[in-house]
């Protein structure tokens, strides 16, 4: 039974599989190289989002695709702002966020890391942009109702998330947080006594 394959080997499928493997390796290589360049990555995604919104505005359509994209982005944002271990849902062995001032400090770990957040948003905009080239996705809808519904959904979801952040005393951003640099040793000239 050695050397017996499970299916027919087509001569044309081997070059396609080889090309796919090489493309996958090259894509992963450049994706790995982009990891430390967060500002450049986000600027590229902002440019892609601008292209998408200009295309939707120019075509005056694809509002249902944009609504679906908005719901998906809201879902990603909630994952990005949420802790990995939700104190309400899971009782962990000391791995939850501190709830009292006497609790030990535990760092905030996101449920969705920044790189995966960026990558998912970029993929979503790419897919939505490709969908605008196919007229079957241009479902006629009254877009102001979709926009109002999305805004209400965004406000209610963010209100719940902010109340959760206040209740469990965590901030998912490092802006304004105290940074510990260690002890600073003073030189002999600053230890002079006062007269």
N, C-alpha and C. Protein backbone atom coordinates (compact mmCIF):
# COMPACT_ATOMS: atom_id res chain seq x y z
N UNK A 1 0.80 -1.19 0.00
CA UNK A 1 0.00 0.00 0.00
C UNK A 1 0.85 1.26 0.00
N UNK A 2 2.15 1.11 0.03
CA UNK A 2 3.00 2.28 -0.01
C UNK A 2 2.96 2.89 -1.40
N UNK A 3 3.03 4.21 -1.42
CA UNK A 3 3.08 4.92 -2.70
C UNK A 3 1.73 5.09 -3.35
N UNK A 4 0.66 4.61 -2.72
CA UNK A 4 -0.67 4.76 -3.29
C UNK A 4 -1.26 6.06 -2.78
N UNK A 5 -1.68 6.90 -3.68
CA UNK A 5 -2.26 8.18 -3.28
C UNK A 5 -3.75 8.04 -3.08
N UNK A 6 -4.31 8.95 -2.33
CA UNK A 6 -5.74 8.88 -2.02
C UNK A 6 -6.60 9.43 -3.15
N UNK A 7 -6.03 10.11 -4.10
CA UNK A 7 -6.80 10.67 -5.20
C UNK A 7 -5.95 10.78 -6.44
N UNK A 8 -6.56 11.09 -7.56
CA UNK A 8 -5.80 11.22 -8.79
C UNK A 8 -4.89 12.45 -8.75
N UNK A 9 -3.69 12.30 -9.26
CA UNK A 9 -2.75 13.41 -9.31
C UNK A 9 -2.88 14.05 -10.68
N UNK A 10 -3.28 15.28 -10.67
CA UNK A 10 -3.44 16.04 -11.89
C UNK A 10 -2.16 16.85 -12.11
N UNK A 11 -1.64 16.84 -13.28
CA UNK A 11 -0.40 17.56 -13.57
C UNK A 11 -0.52 19.05 -13.38
N UNK A 12 -1.72 19.59 -13.56
CA UNK A 12 -1.90 21.03 -13.43
C UNK A 12 -2.06 21.46 -11.97
N UNK A 13 -2.39 20.54 -11.07
CA UNK A 13 -2.60 20.93 -9.68
C UNK A 13 -1.27 21.09 -8.93
N UNK A 14 -0.22 20.43 -9.36
CA UNK A 14 1.07 20.56 -8.69
C UNK A 14 1.65 21.96 -8.79
N UNK A 15 1.70 22.58 -9.96
CA UNK A 15 2.21 23.96 -10.01
C UNK A 15 1.32 24.94 -9.23
N UNK A 16 0.02 24.70 -9.23
CA UNK A 16 -0.88 25.57 -8.48
C UNK A 16 -0.63 25.44 -6.99
N UNK A 17 -0.43 24.23 -6.51
CA UNK A 17 -0.14 24.01 -5.09
C UNK A 17 1.20 24.62 -4.71
N UNK A 18 2.17 24.50 -5.60
CA UNK A 18 3.49 25.07 -5.35
C UNK A 18 3.41 26.60 -5.30
N UNK A 19 2.67 27.18 -6.25
CA UNK A 19 2.52 28.64 -6.26
C UNK A 19 1.79 29.12 -5.00
N UNK A 20 0.76 28.38 -4.59
CA UNK A 20 0.01 28.75 -3.39
C UNK A 20 0.90 28.68 -2.15
N UNK A 21 1.73 27.66 -2.07
CA UNK A 21 2.64 27.52 -0.93
C UNK A 21 3.66 28.66 -0.91
N UNK A 22 4.22 29.00 -2.06
CA UNK A 22 5.20 30.09 -2.13
C UNK A 22 4.54 31.43 -1.81
N UNK A 23 3.33 31.64 -2.31
CA UNK A 23 2.62 32.89 -2.02
C UNK A 23 2.32 32.99 -0.52
N UNK A 24 1.89 31.87 0.07
CA UNK A 24 1.59 31.87 1.50
C UNK A 24 2.83 32.19 2.33
N UNK A 25 3.97 31.62 1.96
CA UNK A 25 5.21 31.90 2.69
C UNK A 25 5.62 33.36 2.54
N UNK A 26 5.53 33.90 1.32
CA UNK A 26 5.90 35.30 1.09
C UNK A 26 4.96 36.25 1.85
N UNK A 27 3.67 35.93 1.81
CA UNK A 27 2.69 36.76 2.52
C UNK A 27 2.97 36.76 4.01
N UNK A 28 3.23 35.59 4.58
CA UNK A 28 3.52 35.49 6.01
C UNK A 28 4.82 36.21 6.36
N UNK A 29 5.81 36.15 5.47
CA UNK A 29 7.08 36.85 5.69
C UNK A 29 6.85 38.36 5.81
N UNK A 30 6.10 38.94 4.86
CA UNK A 30 5.86 40.38 4.90
C UNK A 30 4.92 40.77 6.04
N UNK A 31 4.00 39.88 6.39
CA UNK A 31 3.12 40.14 7.53
C UNK A 31 3.93 40.18 8.82
N UNK A 32 4.88 39.25 8.96
CA UNK A 32 5.74 39.23 10.14
C UNK A 32 6.63 40.46 10.21
N UNK A 33 7.11 40.90 9.06
CA UNK A 33 7.97 42.09 9.04
C UNK A 33 7.21 43.37 9.37
N UNK A 34 5.90 43.38 9.14
CA UNK A 34 5.11 44.58 9.41
C UNK A 34 4.70 44.69 10.87
N UNK A 35 4.92 43.65 11.65
CA UNK A 35 4.46 43.63 13.04
C UNK A 35 4.95 44.82 13.87
N UNK A 36 6.24 45.17 13.87
CA UNK A 36 6.66 46.28 14.74
C UNK A 36 6.28 47.67 14.23
N UNK A 37 5.80 47.77 13.01
CA UNK A 37 5.50 49.08 12.41
C UNK A 37 4.01 49.39 12.53
N UNK A 38 3.55 49.61 13.76
CA UNK A 38 2.12 49.78 13.97
C UNK A 38 1.57 51.07 13.34
N UNK A 39 2.31 52.14 13.37
CA UNK A 39 1.82 53.40 12.79
C UNK A 39 1.65 53.26 11.28
N UNK A 40 2.62 52.67 10.63
CA UNK A 40 2.53 52.45 9.19
C UNK A 40 1.39 51.52 8.81
N UNK A 41 1.19 50.48 9.61
CA UNK A 41 0.10 49.54 9.35
C UNK A 41 -1.24 50.25 9.44
N UNK A 42 -1.42 51.04 10.51
CA UNK A 42 -2.70 51.71 10.70
C UNK A 42 -2.92 52.80 9.65
N UNK A 43 -1.85 53.46 9.22
CA UNK A 43 -2.00 54.46 8.15
C UNK A 43 -2.42 53.79 6.84
N UNK A 44 -1.85 52.63 6.55
CA UNK A 44 -2.25 51.87 5.37
C UNK A 44 -3.71 51.45 5.43
N UNK A 45 -4.14 51.01 6.60
CA UNK A 45 -5.54 50.62 6.76
C UNK A 45 -6.46 51.83 6.64
N UNK A 46 -6.04 52.97 7.17
CA UNK A 46 -6.84 54.19 7.04
C UNK A 46 -6.95 54.59 5.57
N UNK A 47 -5.86 54.43 4.81
CA UNK A 47 -5.91 54.71 3.38
C UNK A 47 -6.87 53.77 2.66
N UNK A 48 -6.83 52.49 3.02
CA UNK A 48 -7.74 51.52 2.43
C UNK A 48 -9.19 51.84 2.77
N UNK A 49 -9.44 52.26 4.01
CA UNK A 49 -10.79 52.65 4.42
C UNK A 49 -11.26 53.87 3.65
N UNK A 50 -10.36 54.82 3.43
CA UNK A 50 -10.71 56.02 2.66
C UNK A 50 -11.08 55.64 1.23
N UNK A 51 -10.30 54.76 0.62
CA UNK A 51 -10.62 54.29 -0.74
C UNK A 51 -11.99 53.63 -0.77
N UNK A 52 -12.25 52.79 0.24
CA UNK A 52 -13.55 52.10 0.29
C UNK A 52 -14.69 53.11 0.40
N UNK A 53 -14.57 54.06 1.33
CA UNK A 53 -15.66 55.02 1.53
C UNK A 53 -15.84 55.94 0.32
N UNK A 54 -14.75 56.30 -0.33
CA UNK A 54 -14.87 57.11 -1.56
C UNK A 54 -15.57 56.32 -2.66
N UNK A 55 -15.27 55.03 -2.76
CA UNK A 55 -15.92 54.18 -3.77
C UNK A 55 -17.42 54.06 -3.48
N UNK A 56 -17.77 53.84 -2.22
CA UNK A 56 -19.19 53.73 -1.87
C UNK A 56 -19.90 55.06 -2.13
N UNK A 57 -19.26 56.16 -1.80
CA UNK A 57 -19.85 57.47 -2.03
C UNK A 57 -20.01 57.73 -3.53
N UNK A 58 -19.00 57.38 -4.31
CA UNK A 58 -19.05 57.60 -5.75
C UNK A 58 -20.14 56.74 -6.41
N UNK A 59 -20.27 55.49 -5.97
CA UNK A 59 -21.26 54.59 -6.57
C UNK A 59 -22.67 54.82 -6.03
N UNK A 60 -22.78 55.50 -4.88
CA UNK A 60 -24.08 55.73 -4.23
C UNK A 60 -24.83 54.41 -4.05
N UNK A 61 -24.12 53.43 -3.48
CA UNK A 61 -24.72 52.12 -3.26
C UNK A 61 -23.90 51.32 -2.27
N UNK A 62 -24.21 50.03 -2.20
CA UNK A 62 -23.51 49.08 -1.33
C UNK A 62 -23.63 49.48 0.15
N UNK A 63 -24.79 50.00 0.51
CA UNK A 63 -24.99 50.43 1.89
C UNK A 63 -25.12 49.23 2.82
N UNK A 64 -25.69 48.14 2.33
CA UNK A 64 -25.83 46.96 3.17
C UNK A 64 -24.47 46.34 3.45
N UNK A 65 -23.55 46.42 2.49
CA UNK A 65 -22.18 45.94 2.70
C UNK A 65 -21.50 46.82 3.75
N UNK A 66 -21.69 48.11 3.66
CA UNK A 66 -21.10 49.03 4.62
C UNK A 66 -21.69 48.82 6.01
N UNK A 67 -22.98 48.54 6.09
CA UNK A 67 -23.61 48.27 7.37
C UNK A 67 -23.03 46.98 7.98
N UNK A 68 -22.89 45.94 7.18
CA UNK A 68 -22.29 44.69 7.66
C UNK A 68 -20.86 44.91 8.12
N UNK A 69 -20.12 45.72 7.36
CA UNK A 69 -18.75 46.06 7.74
C UNK A 69 -18.73 46.81 9.07
N UNK A 70 -19.66 47.74 9.26
CA UNK A 70 -19.74 48.50 10.51
C UNK A 70 -20.05 47.62 11.71
N UNK A 71 -20.94 46.65 11.54
CA UNK A 71 -21.27 45.72 12.63
C UNK A 71 -20.06 44.86 12.96
N UNK A 72 -19.35 44.40 11.93
CA UNK A 72 -18.16 43.58 12.17
C UNK A 72 -17.07 44.39 12.88
N UNK A 73 -16.87 45.64 12.46
CA UNK A 73 -15.87 46.49 13.11
C UNK A 73 -16.25 46.78 14.57
N UNK A 74 -17.53 46.94 14.85
CA UNK A 74 -17.98 47.14 16.22
C UNK A 74 -17.69 45.90 17.06
N UNK A 75 -17.90 44.74 16.50
CA UNK A 75 -17.60 43.49 17.20
C UNK A 75 -16.10 43.38 17.49
N UNK A 76 -15.27 43.75 16.53
CA UNK A 76 -13.82 43.73 16.75
C UNK A 76 -13.41 44.74 17.82
N UNK A 77 -14.02 45.91 17.82
CA UNK A 77 -13.69 46.93 18.80
C UNK A 77 -14.02 46.46 20.22
N UNK A 78 -15.13 45.77 20.38
CA UNK A 78 -15.49 45.25 21.69
C UNK A 78 -14.45 44.23 22.14
N UNK A 79 -14.02 43.36 21.24
CA UNK A 79 -12.98 42.39 21.59
C UNK A 79 -11.67 43.07 21.95
N UNK A 80 -11.36 44.17 21.28
CA UNK A 80 -10.12 44.90 21.53
C UNK A 80 -10.16 45.61 22.88
N UNK A 81 -11.33 46.09 23.29
CA UNK A 81 -11.45 46.83 24.54
C UNK A 81 -11.74 45.94 25.75
N UNK A 82 -12.02 44.67 25.51
CA UNK A 82 -12.38 43.77 26.60
C UNK A 82 -11.15 43.03 27.13
N UNK A 83 -11.17 42.72 28.44
CA UNK A 83 -10.08 41.92 28.99
C UNK A 83 -10.19 40.47 28.54
N UNK A 84 -9.05 39.80 28.52
CA UNK A 84 -9.03 38.40 28.09
C UNK A 84 -9.88 37.54 29.01
N UNK A 85 -9.82 37.82 30.29
CA UNK A 85 -10.61 37.10 31.28
C UNK A 85 -11.65 38.06 31.82
N UNK A 86 -12.92 37.82 31.50
CA UNK A 86 -14.00 38.68 31.96
C UNK A 86 -14.34 38.33 33.40
N UNK A 87 -14.19 39.27 34.34
CA UNK A 87 -14.46 38.98 35.75
C UNK A 87 -15.91 38.57 36.02
N UNK A 88 -16.85 38.98 35.19
CA UNK A 88 -18.25 38.63 35.39
C UNK A 88 -18.54 37.19 35.00
N UNK A 89 -17.85 36.70 33.99
CA UNK A 89 -18.19 35.39 33.44
C UNK A 89 -17.37 34.25 34.02
N UNK A 90 -16.12 34.49 34.32
CA UNK A 90 -15.25 33.41 34.74
C UNK A 90 -14.59 33.74 36.08
N UNK A 91 -14.55 32.76 36.93
CA UNK A 91 -13.82 32.89 38.18
C UNK A 91 -12.50 32.18 37.97
N UNK A 92 -11.43 32.96 37.94
CA UNK A 92 -10.11 32.39 37.66
C UNK A 92 -9.32 32.27 38.96
N UNK A 93 -8.26 31.52 38.92
CA UNK A 93 -7.39 31.31 40.07
C UNK A 93 -6.41 32.46 40.21
N UNK A 94 -6.91 33.64 40.54
CA UNK A 94 -6.03 34.79 40.74
C UNK A 94 -5.61 35.47 39.45
N UNK A 95 -6.21 35.13 38.31
CA UNK A 95 -5.80 35.74 37.05
C UNK A 95 -6.76 36.81 36.57
N UNK A 96 -7.69 37.24 37.41
CA UNK A 96 -8.65 38.25 36.99
C UNK A 96 -8.12 39.65 37.32
N UNK A 97 -8.83 40.63 36.83
CA UNK A 97 -8.45 42.02 37.09
C UNK A 97 -8.69 42.36 38.55
N UNK A 98 -7.87 43.25 39.12
CA UNK A 98 -8.10 43.63 40.52
C UNK A 98 -9.37 44.45 40.64
N UNK A 99 -10.13 44.20 41.70
CA UNK A 99 -11.38 44.93 41.91
C UNK A 99 -11.32 45.85 43.11
N UNK A 100 -10.33 45.66 43.99
CA UNK A 100 -10.18 46.50 45.18
C UNK A 100 -8.78 47.11 45.16
N UNK A 101 -8.61 48.17 45.92
CA UNK A 101 -7.31 48.82 46.00
C UNK A 101 -6.24 47.94 46.61
N UNK A 102 -6.65 46.98 47.44
CA UNK A 102 -5.68 46.11 48.09
C UNK A 102 -5.29 44.92 47.21
N UNK A 103 -5.99 44.73 46.09
CA UNK A 103 -5.65 43.61 45.20
C UNK A 103 -4.32 43.85 44.52
N UNK A 104 -3.68 42.78 44.16
CA UNK A 104 -2.40 42.86 43.47
C UNK A 104 -2.63 43.37 42.04
N UNK A 105 -1.67 44.17 41.55
CA UNK A 105 -1.78 44.69 40.19
C UNK A 105 -1.62 43.56 39.18
N UNK A 106 -2.54 43.53 38.24
CA UNK A 106 -2.44 42.57 37.15
C UNK A 106 -2.55 43.35 35.85
N UNK A 107 -1.68 43.10 34.89
CA UNK A 107 -1.73 43.88 33.66
C UNK A 107 -2.99 43.57 32.84
N UNK A 108 -3.39 44.55 32.07
CA UNK A 108 -4.54 44.38 31.19
C UNK A 108 -4.11 43.59 29.97
N UNK A 109 -4.75 42.46 29.76
CA UNK A 109 -4.48 41.64 28.57
C UNK A 109 -5.76 41.63 27.75
N UNK A 110 -5.66 42.05 26.52
CA UNK A 110 -6.83 42.16 25.66
C UNK A 110 -7.32 40.79 25.20
N UNK A 111 -8.62 40.73 24.96
CA UNK A 111 -9.17 39.51 24.37
C UNK A 111 -8.73 39.41 22.91
N UNK A 112 -8.62 40.54 22.23
CA UNK A 112 -8.17 40.58 20.85
C UNK A 112 -6.92 41.47 20.79
N UNK A 113 -5.74 40.90 20.57
CA UNK A 113 -4.51 41.71 20.54
C UNK A 113 -4.52 42.73 19.40
N UNK A 114 -3.69 43.75 19.53
CA UNK A 114 -3.66 44.86 18.57
C UNK A 114 -3.37 44.38 17.16
N UNK A 115 -2.41 43.47 16.99
CA UNK A 115 -2.06 43.02 15.64
C UNK A 115 -3.22 42.28 14.99
N UNK A 116 -3.86 41.40 15.73
CA UNK A 116 -5.01 40.67 15.17
C UNK A 116 -6.18 41.62 14.92
N UNK A 117 -6.33 42.63 15.75
CA UNK A 117 -7.35 43.66 15.55
C UNK A 117 -7.11 44.38 14.24
N UNK A 118 -5.87 44.82 14.03
CA UNK A 118 -5.51 45.50 12.78
C UNK A 118 -5.70 44.58 11.58
N UNK A 119 -5.23 43.37 11.69
CA UNK A 119 -5.28 42.42 10.57
C UNK A 119 -6.74 42.12 10.20
N UNK A 120 -7.60 41.93 11.18
CA UNK A 120 -9.01 41.65 10.91
C UNK A 120 -9.71 42.84 10.27
N UNK A 121 -9.38 44.04 10.74
CA UNK A 121 -9.98 45.24 10.15
C UNK A 121 -9.52 45.40 8.70
N UNK A 122 -8.26 45.18 8.44
CA UNK A 122 -7.73 45.32 7.08
C UNK A 122 -8.37 44.29 6.16
N UNK A 123 -8.47 43.05 6.61
CA UNK A 123 -9.12 42.02 5.79
C UNK A 123 -10.58 42.39 5.52
N UNK A 124 -11.26 42.91 6.53
CA UNK A 124 -12.67 43.28 6.36
C UNK A 124 -12.83 44.37 5.31
N UNK A 125 -11.96 45.39 5.33
CA UNK A 125 -12.04 46.44 4.33
C UNK A 125 -11.70 45.91 2.93
N UNK A 126 -10.74 45.00 2.85
CA UNK A 126 -10.40 44.40 1.54
C UNK A 126 -11.58 43.62 0.98
N UNK A 127 -12.20 42.81 1.82
CA UNK A 127 -13.34 42.01 1.36
C UNK A 127 -14.50 42.91 0.96
N UNK A 128 -14.78 43.94 1.76
CA UNK A 128 -15.86 44.87 1.44
C UNK A 128 -15.57 45.62 0.14
N UNK A 129 -14.31 45.98 -0.07
CA UNK A 129 -13.94 46.67 -1.31
C UNK A 129 -14.15 45.77 -2.51
N UNK A 130 -13.76 44.51 -2.40
CA UNK A 130 -13.96 43.56 -3.51
C UNK A 130 -15.45 43.36 -3.76
N UNK A 131 -16.25 43.34 -2.71
CA UNK A 131 -17.70 43.16 -2.87
C UNK A 131 -18.33 44.31 -3.65
N UNK A 132 -17.73 45.48 -3.62
CA UNK A 132 -18.31 46.62 -4.36
C UNK A 132 -18.15 46.48 -5.86
N UNK A 133 -17.38 45.50 -6.31
CA UNK A 133 -17.22 45.27 -7.75
C UNK A 133 -18.26 44.30 -8.30
N UNK A 134 -19.13 43.78 -7.45
CA UNK A 134 -20.16 42.85 -7.87
C UNK A 134 -21.53 43.45 -7.55
N UNK A 135 -22.34 43.63 -8.58
CA UNK A 135 -23.62 44.32 -8.41
C UNK A 135 -24.63 43.51 -7.60
N UNK A 136 -24.41 42.21 -7.45
CA UNK A 136 -25.38 41.42 -6.68
C UNK A 136 -25.36 41.79 -5.20
N UNK A 137 -24.29 42.43 -4.72
CA UNK A 137 -24.22 42.85 -3.33
C UNK A 137 -24.80 44.25 -3.11
N UNK A 138 -25.22 44.91 -4.18
CA UNK A 138 -25.80 46.24 -4.07
C UNK A 138 -27.31 46.11 -3.88
N UNK A 139 -27.70 45.78 -2.66
CA UNK A 139 -29.11 45.61 -2.33
C UNK A 139 -29.69 47.00 -2.05
N UNK A 140 -30.78 47.35 -2.71
CA UNK A 140 -31.35 48.69 -2.47
C UNK A 140 -32.01 48.76 -1.08
N UNK A 141 -31.51 49.67 -0.27
CA UNK A 141 -32.05 49.90 1.07
C UNK A 141 -32.11 51.41 1.31
N UNK A 142 -32.88 51.78 2.30
CA UNK A 142 -32.95 53.18 2.71
C UNK A 142 -31.85 53.38 3.75
N UNK A 143 -30.71 53.93 3.32
CA UNK A 143 -29.51 53.96 4.14
C UNK A 143 -29.62 54.78 5.43
N UNK A 144 -30.44 55.85 5.49
CA UNK A 144 -30.50 56.58 6.77
C UNK A 144 -31.00 55.73 7.93
N UNK A 145 -31.89 54.78 7.65
CA UNK A 145 -32.36 53.91 8.74
C UNK A 145 -31.23 53.01 9.20
N UNK A 146 -30.45 52.46 8.28
CA UNK A 146 -29.30 51.63 8.66
C UNK A 146 -28.30 52.43 9.48
N UNK A 147 -28.05 53.66 9.07
CA UNK A 147 -27.10 54.51 9.78
C UNK A 147 -27.60 54.81 11.19
N UNK A 148 -28.88 55.16 11.33
CA UNK A 148 -29.43 55.44 12.66
C UNK A 148 -29.38 54.20 13.54
N UNK A 149 -29.72 53.05 12.99
CA UNK A 149 -29.69 51.81 13.76
C UNK A 149 -28.27 51.50 14.21
N UNK A 150 -27.28 51.70 13.33
CA UNK A 150 -25.90 51.42 13.69
C UNK A 150 -25.41 52.39 14.78
N UNK A 151 -25.79 53.65 14.69
CA UNK A 151 -25.39 54.63 15.71
C UNK A 151 -25.99 54.27 17.07
N UNK A 152 -27.27 53.89 17.10
CA UNK A 152 -27.90 53.49 18.36
C UNK A 152 -27.20 52.25 18.91
N UNK A 153 -26.92 51.28 18.05
CA UNK A 153 -26.23 50.06 18.48
C UNK A 153 -24.84 50.38 19.02
N UNK A 154 -24.13 51.29 18.37
CA UNK A 154 -22.79 51.69 18.81
C UNK A 154 -22.86 52.36 20.19
N UNK A 155 -23.80 53.27 20.37
CA UNK A 155 -23.92 53.99 21.65
C UNK A 155 -24.26 53.02 22.78
N UNK A 156 -25.22 52.15 22.55
CA UNK A 156 -25.61 51.20 23.60
C UNK A 156 -24.48 50.23 23.94
N UNK A 157 -23.78 49.76 22.93
CA UNK A 157 -22.68 48.83 23.16
C UNK A 157 -21.53 49.51 23.89
N UNK A 158 -21.16 50.71 23.47
CA UNK A 158 -20.07 51.42 24.13
C UNK A 158 -20.45 51.82 25.55
N UNK A 159 -21.70 52.16 25.78
CA UNK A 159 -22.14 52.49 27.13
C UNK A 159 -21.96 51.28 28.04
N UNK A 160 -22.38 50.11 27.56
CA UNK A 160 -22.22 48.89 28.35
C UNK A 160 -20.75 48.58 28.59
N UNK A 161 -19.90 48.77 27.56
CA UNK A 161 -18.47 48.49 27.71
C UNK A 161 -17.82 49.48 28.69
N UNK A 162 -18.17 50.74 28.63
CA UNK A 162 -17.60 51.74 29.53
C UNK A 162 -18.04 51.48 30.96
N UNK A 163 -19.30 51.09 31.17
CA UNK A 163 -19.76 50.75 32.51
C UNK A 163 -19.02 49.53 33.05
N UNK A 164 -18.73 48.58 32.18
CA UNK A 164 -17.95 47.40 32.58
C UNK A 164 -16.53 47.81 32.97
N UNK A 165 -15.95 48.73 32.22
CA UNK A 165 -14.60 49.22 32.52
C UNK A 165 -14.58 49.95 33.85
N UNK A 166 -15.61 50.73 34.14
CA UNK A 166 -15.67 51.46 35.41
C UNK A 166 -15.88 50.50 36.57
N UNK A 167 -16.75 49.53 36.38
CA UNK A 167 -17.06 48.58 37.46
C UNK A 167 -15.83 47.77 37.87
N UNK A 168 -15.05 47.32 36.90
CA UNK A 168 -13.89 46.48 37.19
C UNK A 168 -12.58 47.24 37.15
N UNK A 169 -12.64 48.55 37.03
CA UNK A 169 -11.50 49.45 37.15
C UNK A 169 -10.33 49.07 36.25
N UNK A 170 -10.59 49.02 34.95
CA UNK A 170 -9.50 48.80 34.00
C UNK A 170 -9.61 49.79 32.86
N UNK A 171 -8.45 50.14 32.33
CA UNK A 171 -8.37 51.05 31.20
C UNK A 171 -7.58 50.32 30.11
N UNK A 172 -8.15 50.11 28.93
CA UNK A 172 -7.45 49.34 27.90
C UNK A 172 -6.39 50.12 27.13
N UNK A 173 -6.18 51.37 27.48
CA UNK A 173 -5.18 52.18 26.78
C UNK A 173 -4.09 52.60 27.75
N UNK A 174 -2.90 52.83 27.25
CA UNK A 174 -1.79 53.22 28.11
C UNK A 174 -1.62 54.74 28.20
N UNK A 175 -2.51 55.49 27.61
CA UNK A 175 -2.44 56.95 27.65
C UNK A 175 -2.80 57.41 29.06
N UNK A 176 -1.90 58.17 29.67
CA UNK A 176 -2.15 58.72 30.99
C UNK A 176 -1.84 57.78 32.13
N UNK A 177 -1.40 56.57 31.85
CA UNK A 177 -1.07 55.65 32.92
C UNK A 177 0.33 55.96 33.44
N UNK A 178 0.52 55.71 34.72
CA UNK A 178 1.82 55.94 35.32
C UNK A 178 2.79 54.88 34.83
N UNK A 179 4.00 55.32 34.49
CA UNK A 179 5.03 54.39 34.03
C UNK A 179 6.11 54.30 35.08
N UNK A 180 6.48 53.11 35.42
CA UNK A 180 7.51 52.87 36.43
C UNK A 180 8.84 52.66 35.72
N UNK A 181 9.81 53.52 36.07
CA UNK A 181 11.12 53.43 35.44
C UNK A 181 12.18 52.91 36.38
N UNK A 182 11.82 52.65 37.61
CA UNK A 182 12.80 52.16 38.57
C UNK A 182 13.29 53.31 39.44
N UNK A 183 14.20 52.97 40.34
CA UNK A 183 14.74 53.98 41.24
C UNK A 183 15.74 54.86 40.52
N UNK A 184 15.69 56.15 40.83
CA UNK A 184 16.66 57.09 40.28
C UNK A 184 17.61 57.46 41.41
N UNK A 185 18.85 57.24 41.15
CA UNK A 185 19.88 57.55 42.15
C UNK A 185 20.36 58.97 41.97
N UNK A 186 20.47 59.66 43.08
CA UNK A 186 20.89 61.06 43.01
C UNK A 186 22.40 61.16 43.21
N UNK A 187 22.95 62.23 42.70
CA UNK A 187 24.38 62.48 42.86
C UNK A 187 24.62 63.17 44.18
N UNK A 188 25.87 63.26 44.60
CA UNK A 188 26.25 63.85 45.88
C UNK A 188 25.90 65.32 45.97
N UNK A 189 25.84 66.06 44.87
CA UNK A 189 25.61 67.49 44.92
C UNK A 189 24.17 67.82 45.32
N UNK A 190 23.24 66.92 45.07
CA UNK A 190 21.86 67.21 45.43
C UNK A 190 21.54 66.89 46.87
N UNK A 191 22.49 66.24 47.59
CA UNK A 191 22.22 65.86 48.97
C UNK A 191 22.77 66.88 49.98
N UNK A 192 23.07 68.08 49.54
CA UNK A 192 23.56 69.12 50.44
C UNK A 192 22.45 69.53 51.40
N UNK A 193 22.82 69.81 52.61
CA UNK A 193 21.83 70.21 53.61
C UNK A 193 21.44 71.67 53.40
N UNK A 194 20.23 71.98 53.87
CA UNK A 194 19.74 73.35 53.72
C UNK A 194 20.29 74.22 54.85
N UNK A 195 20.55 75.47 54.56
CA UNK A 195 21.05 76.42 55.57
C UNK A 195 19.93 77.11 56.27
